């Protein structure tokens, strides 16, 4: 998957012809790694996926079923103690496929909204363009994300790559922040009643429409975000994980001398 982030198929078996040109010399290593994983998966007592999408990929690629347990969040460590929402926020556009270019284009088309970027852009062109826009605040890396969430009105995830289960989505929802994301990977999961999904990430007008729609129904979507965030609560998911471990230990075949 990481060698070809544009591959949107569920089956992630490595294909020489499907790899980007600069990755083709690495194909023997990729293929060997895949073969080792394919041999190892049937030996596992259980496999855990952090989203429905990841469970589907595991089953399709390795022919092994997986138990879905959402990524666990300690809400106390990410929840702001006060909220003054004003920004459309993106977190960590560290590679082109994260959609930083798209985020800047949205900001350019919506000069009457304020935008915030936490982290650094992958491309200098995006950084320079953002610096020229009066409505984009770009402080770089942030030490405490609670400061960001306290000022975030809507979180945008314009990812072009299939995210397994973006943690930033769960953290934002734990703060009652609606999320707008693409259809890629596990991004759209849990966004019902808690945000919106953009079908074509390159269509800037669709982002504009969804932002406006969320603002018009903001209070209800805040409630939905808080409600849906519960599936990421560490206090809820640790017992599920321990139960998987317990069952695996119980079902270990006994060895005979």
Protein backbone atom coordinates (compact mmCIF):
# COMPACT_ATOMS: atom_id res chain seq x y z
CA UNK A 1 0.00 0.00 0.00
CA UNK A 2 2.66 2.52 1.02
CA UNK A 3 4.55 1.92 -2.22
CA UNK A 4 1.63 2.97 -4.35
CA UNK A 5 -0.68 5.32 -2.45
CA UNK A 6 -2.88 5.80 -5.52
CA UNK A 7 -3.89 2.13 -5.56
CA UNK A 8 -7.53 2.20 -4.49
CA UNK A 9 -8.26 -1.54 -4.78
CA UNK A 10 -8.92 -3.55 -1.64
CA UNK A 11 -6.43 -6.19 -2.75
CA UNK A 12 -2.99 -4.82 -1.89
CA UNK A 13 -0.89 -7.68 -3.29
CA UNK A 14 2.20 -6.05 -4.84
CA UNK A 15 2.21 -5.80 -8.62
CA UNK A 16 5.33 -4.78 -10.54
CA UNK A 17 3.34 -3.03 -13.26
CA UNK A 18 1.20 -1.17 -10.72
CA UNK A 19 4.15 0.34 -8.84
CA UNK A 20 5.33 3.89 -9.51
CA UNK A 21 8.50 3.95 -11.62
CA UNK A 22 10.77 5.01 -8.75
CA UNK A 23 9.52 2.06 -6.67
CA UNK A 24 10.01 -0.66 -9.29
CA UNK A 25 13.65 -1.41 -8.26
CA UNK A 26 12.29 -2.25 -4.79
CA UNK A 27 9.82 -4.79 -6.13
CA UNK A 28 11.83 -7.92 -5.14
CA UNK A 29 11.97 -6.69 -1.54
CA UNK A 30 8.27 -5.75 -1.56
CA UNK A 31 7.30 -9.12 -2.98
CA UNK A 32 9.46 -10.97 -0.46
CA UNK A 33 7.93 -9.02 2.41
CA UNK A 34 4.44 -9.75 1.15
CA UNK A 35 5.24 -13.48 0.85
CA UNK A 36 6.50 -13.57 4.44
CA UNK A 37 3.36 -11.83 5.66
CA UNK A 38 1.14 -14.15 3.61
CA UNK A 39 2.80 -17.15 5.28
CA UNK A 40 2.58 -15.63 8.76
CA UNK A 41 -1.06 -14.50 8.80
CA UNK A 42 -2.64 -18.01 8.96
CA UNK A 43 -0.55 -18.71 12.06
CA UNK A 44 -1.97 -15.79 14.02
CA UNK A 45 -4.60 -16.56 16.65
CA UNK A 46 -6.33 -13.32 15.79
CA UNK A 47 -5.74 -10.22 13.70
CA UNK A 48 -7.05 -6.81 14.74
CA UNK A 49 -7.97 -4.08 12.28
CA UNK A 50 -8.55 -0.50 13.40
CA UNK A 51 -11.36 0.17 10.90
CA UNK A 52 -13.81 -1.71 8.72
CA UNK A 53 -11.69 -0.70 5.74
CA UNK A 54 -8.52 -2.26 7.19
CA UNK A 55 -10.36 -5.46 8.05
CA UNK A 56 -11.59 -5.68 4.45
CA UNK A 57 -8.07 -5.09 3.10
CA UNK A 58 -6.61 -7.78 5.38
CA UNK A 59 -9.25 -10.30 4.29
CA UNK A 60 -8.88 -9.46 0.60
CA UNK A 61 -5.06 -9.40 0.57
CA UNK A 62 -4.18 -12.17 3.04
CA UNK A 63 -7.40 -14.22 3.03
CA UNK A 64 -7.58 -13.85 6.81
CA UNK A 65 -10.50 -12.47 8.78
CA UNK A 66 -9.82 -9.70 11.27
CA UNK A 67 -11.52 -8.44 14.41
CA UNK A 68 -12.36 -4.75 14.23
CA UNK A 69 -11.47 -2.66 17.28
CA UNK A 70 -11.38 1.07 16.69
CA UNK A 71 -8.18 3.00 17.40
CA UNK A 72 -8.34 3.91 21.07
CA UNK A 73 -8.09 7.50 22.27
CA UNK A 74 -7.58 8.83 25.78
CA UNK A 75 -10.09 11.64 25.53
CA UNK A 76 -8.56 13.56 28.44
CA UNK A 77 -5.30 13.98 26.51
CA UNK A 78 -6.90 15.47 23.38
CA UNK A 79 -10.05 17.28 24.54
CA UNK A 80 -9.81 21.06 24.89
CA UNK A 81 -11.20 22.60 28.07
CA UNK A 82 -12.82 25.44 26.12
CA UNK A 83 -13.94 26.00 22.53
CA UNK A 84 -14.02 29.15 20.43
CA UNK A 85 -14.45 27.61 16.96
CA UNK A 86 -13.37 29.78 14.07
CA UNK A 87 -11.06 27.80 11.74
CA UNK A 88 -11.38 25.25 8.97
CA UNK A 89 -8.43 23.08 9.98
CA UNK A 90 -6.11 20.57 8.32
CA UNK A 91 -3.53 18.59 10.28
CA UNK A 92 -0.11 17.52 8.99
CA UNK A 93 -0.14 17.84 5.17
CA UNK A 94 3.28 16.16 5.17
CA UNK A 95 2.95 14.48 1.76
CA UNK A 96 1.24 15.45 -1.46
CA UNK A 97 -1.31 12.63 -1.18
CA UNK A 98 -2.55 14.09 2.11
CA UNK A 99 -4.24 16.79 0.06
CA UNK A 100 -2.45 19.94 1.18
CA UNK A 101 -2.75 21.45 -2.29
CA UNK A 102 -6.51 20.89 -2.20
CA UNK A 103 -6.78 22.51 1.23
CA UNK A 104 -5.02 25.65 0.02
CA UNK A 105 -7.26 25.79 -3.05
CA UNK A 106 -10.32 25.61 -0.78
CA UNK A 107 -8.98 28.48 1.31
CA UNK A 108 -8.34 30.53 -1.82
CA UNK A 109 -11.90 30.01 -3.01
CA UNK A 110 -13.39 30.89 0.40
CA UNK A 111 -11.72 34.17 1.43
CA UNK A 112 -14.52 34.87 3.91
CA UNK A 113 -13.53 31.82 6.02
CA UNK A 114 -10.45 31.41 8.19
CA UNK A 115 -8.21 28.36 7.73
CA UNK A 116 -5.58 26.76 9.97
CA UNK A 117 -2.78 24.32 9.09
CA UNK A 118 -0.99 22.34 11.82
CA UNK A 119 2.28 20.88 10.55
CA UNK A 120 4.31 21.48 7.42
CA UNK A 121 3.36 21.28 3.76
CA UNK A 122 5.03 18.65 1.59
CA UNK A 123 5.44 21.06 -1.31
CA UNK A 124 7.01 24.49 -1.21
CA UNK A 125 4.45 25.65 -3.77
CA UNK A 126 1.64 24.96 -1.30
CA UNK A 127 3.49 26.66 1.54
CA UNK A 128 4.18 29.77 -0.55
CA UNK A 129 0.61 29.96 -1.82
CA UNK A 130 -0.77 29.59 1.72
CA UNK A 131 1.55 32.37 2.92
CA UNK A 132 0.05 34.70 0.32
CA UNK A 133 -3.50 34.12 1.56
CA UNK A 134 -4.66 36.42 4.36
CA UNK A 135 -7.16 33.85 5.62
CA UNK A 136 -4.65 31.00 6.20
CA UNK A 137 -2.90 30.69 9.56
CA UNK A 138 0.12 28.37 9.38
CA UNK A 139 2.20 28.23 12.58
CA UNK A 140 3.93 24.95 11.70
CA UNK A 141 4.23 22.17 14.27
CA UNK A 142 2.00 22.41 17.33
CA UNK A 143 3.02 21.11 20.76
CA UNK A 144 -0.47 20.61 22.16
CA UNK A 145 -3.26 19.75 19.72
CA UNK A 146 -5.86 20.76 22.29
CA UNK A 147 -4.99 24.35 21.45
CA UNK A 148 -5.81 23.63 17.80
CA UNK A 149 -9.05 21.83 18.55
CA UNK A 150 -10.22 24.65 20.81
CA UNK A 151 -10.20 26.96 17.76
CA UNK A 152 -11.34 24.48 15.09
CA UNK A 153 -14.83 24.80 13.67
CA UNK A 154 -14.60 22.07 11.02
CA UNK A 155 -11.81 19.57 10.40
CA UNK A 156 -10.98 18.88 6.75
CA UNK A 157 -9.35 15.61 5.63
CA UNK A 158 -8.74 16.06 1.88
CA UNK A 159 -6.69 12.87 1.68
CA UNK A 160 -6.07 11.28 -1.71
CA UNK A 161 -4.60 8.14 -0.17
CA UNK A 162 -6.53 5.37 1.57
CA UNK A 163 -6.10 6.22 5.23
CA UNK A 164 -6.56 3.23 7.51
CA UNK A 165 -8.15 5.15 10.34
CA UNK A 166 -6.96 8.75 10.69
CA UNK A 167 -6.48 9.49 14.37
CA UNK A 168 -7.08 13.19 13.84
CA UNK A 169 -10.68 12.41 12.87
CA UNK A 170 -11.32 10.67 16.19
CA UNK A 171 -9.64 13.45 18.16
CA UNK A 172 -11.67 16.13 16.43
CA UNK A 173 -14.93 14.27 16.98
CA UNK A 174 -14.06 13.84 20.67
CA UNK A 175 -14.05 17.65 20.77
CA UNK A 176 -17.45 17.83 19.09
CA UNK A 177 -15.91 19.05 15.82
CA UNK A 178 -17.67 18.01 12.60
CA UNK A 179 -15.40 16.46 9.96
CA UNK A 180 -15.42 16.65 6.17
CA UNK A 181 -13.43 13.89 4.50
CA UNK A 182 -12.94 12.08 1.22
CA UNK A 183 -14.17 8.61 0.36
CA UNK A 184 -10.65 7.15 0.63
CA UNK A 185 -10.09 4.16 2.92
CA UNK A 186 -11.38 4.50 6.46
CA UNK A 187 -11.84 8.28 6.27
CA UNK A 188 -15.65 8.27 5.79
CA UNK A 189 -16.34 5.77 8.57
CA UNK A 190 -18.31 7.19 11.53
CA UNK A 191 -19.05 10.48 9.73
CA UNK A 192 -22.80 9.83 9.56
CA UNK A 193 -24.46 12.60 11.59
CA UNK A 194 -20.97 13.92 12.42
CA UNK A 195 -19.83 15.61 9.23
CA UNK A 196 -19.85 15.09 5.49
CA UNK A 197 -18.13 13.16 2.69
CA UNK A 198 -16.77 14.66 -0.52
CA UNK A 199 -17.02 12.29 -3.48
CA UNK A 200 -14.51 14.10 -5.69
CA UNK A 201 -11.68 15.63 -3.63
CA UNK A 202 -10.48 17.70 -6.59
CA UNK A 203 -13.87 19.43 -6.96
CA UNK A 204 -13.39 22.51 -4.79
CA UNK A 205 -17.01 23.59 -5.17
CA UNK A 206 -18.10 20.38 -3.41
CA UNK A 207 -15.95 21.28 -0.40
CA UNK A 208 -17.53 24.74 -0.38
CA UNK A 209 -21.01 23.25 -0.44
CA UNK A 210 -20.29 20.83 2.38
CA UNK A 211 -18.71 23.52 4.56
CA UNK A 212 -21.76 25.72 4.12
CA UNK A 213 -24.12 22.82 4.80
CA UNK A 214 -22.31 21.94 8.04
CA UNK A 215 -22.39 25.55 9.21
CA UNK A 216 -26.15 25.59 8.62
CA UNK A 217 -26.63 22.48 10.81
CA UNK A 218 -23.67 22.96 13.12
CA UNK A 219 -25.19 22.27 16.53
CA UNK A 220 -26.72 18.96 15.48
CA UNK A 221 -23.48 17.80 13.89
CA UNK A 222 -21.54 18.73 17.04
CA UNK A 223 -23.82 16.42 18.98
CA UNK A 224 -23.34 13.70 16.35
CA UNK A 225 -19.57 14.06 16.48
CA UNK A 226 -19.51 13.69 20.26
CA UNK A 227 -21.78 10.66 20.06
CA UNK A 228 -19.85 8.90 17.31
CA UNK A 229 -16.52 9.57 19.02
CA UNK A 230 -17.45 7.13 21.78
CA UNK A 231 -16.37 4.17 19.64
CA UNK A 232 -12.79 5.47 19.97
CA UNK A 233 -12.88 5.75 23.78
CA UNK A 234 -9.96 3.84 25.29
CA UNK A 235 -12.13 2.87 28.26
CA UNK A 236 -14.52 1.13 25.89
CA UNK A 237 -11.96 -0.53 23.63
CA UNK A 238 -9.37 -1.89 26.07
CA UNK A 239 -11.84 -4.47 27.45
CA UNK A 240 -12.56 -5.59 23.87
CA UNK A 241 -8.84 -5.98 23.22
CA UNK A 242 -8.33 -7.94 26.46
CA UNK A 243 -11.20 -10.22 25.50
CA UNK A 244 -9.50 -10.97 22.17
CA UNK A 245 -6.25 -11.78 24.02
CA UNK A 246 -8.12 -13.98 26.49
CA UNK A 247 -9.85 -15.93 23.74
CA UNK A 248 -6.60 -16.35 21.85
CA UNK A 249 -4.84 -17.68 24.94
CA UNK A 250 -7.72 -20.06 25.67
CA UNK A 251 -7.65 -21.49 22.15
CA UNK A 252 -3.89 -22.07 21.92
CA UNK A 253 -3.38 -25.76 21.00
CA UNK A 254 -1.72 -27.73 23.75
CA UNK A 255 1.70 -29.22 22.96
CA UNK A 256 2.43 -32.85 23.64
CA UNK A 257 5.81 -34.09 24.84
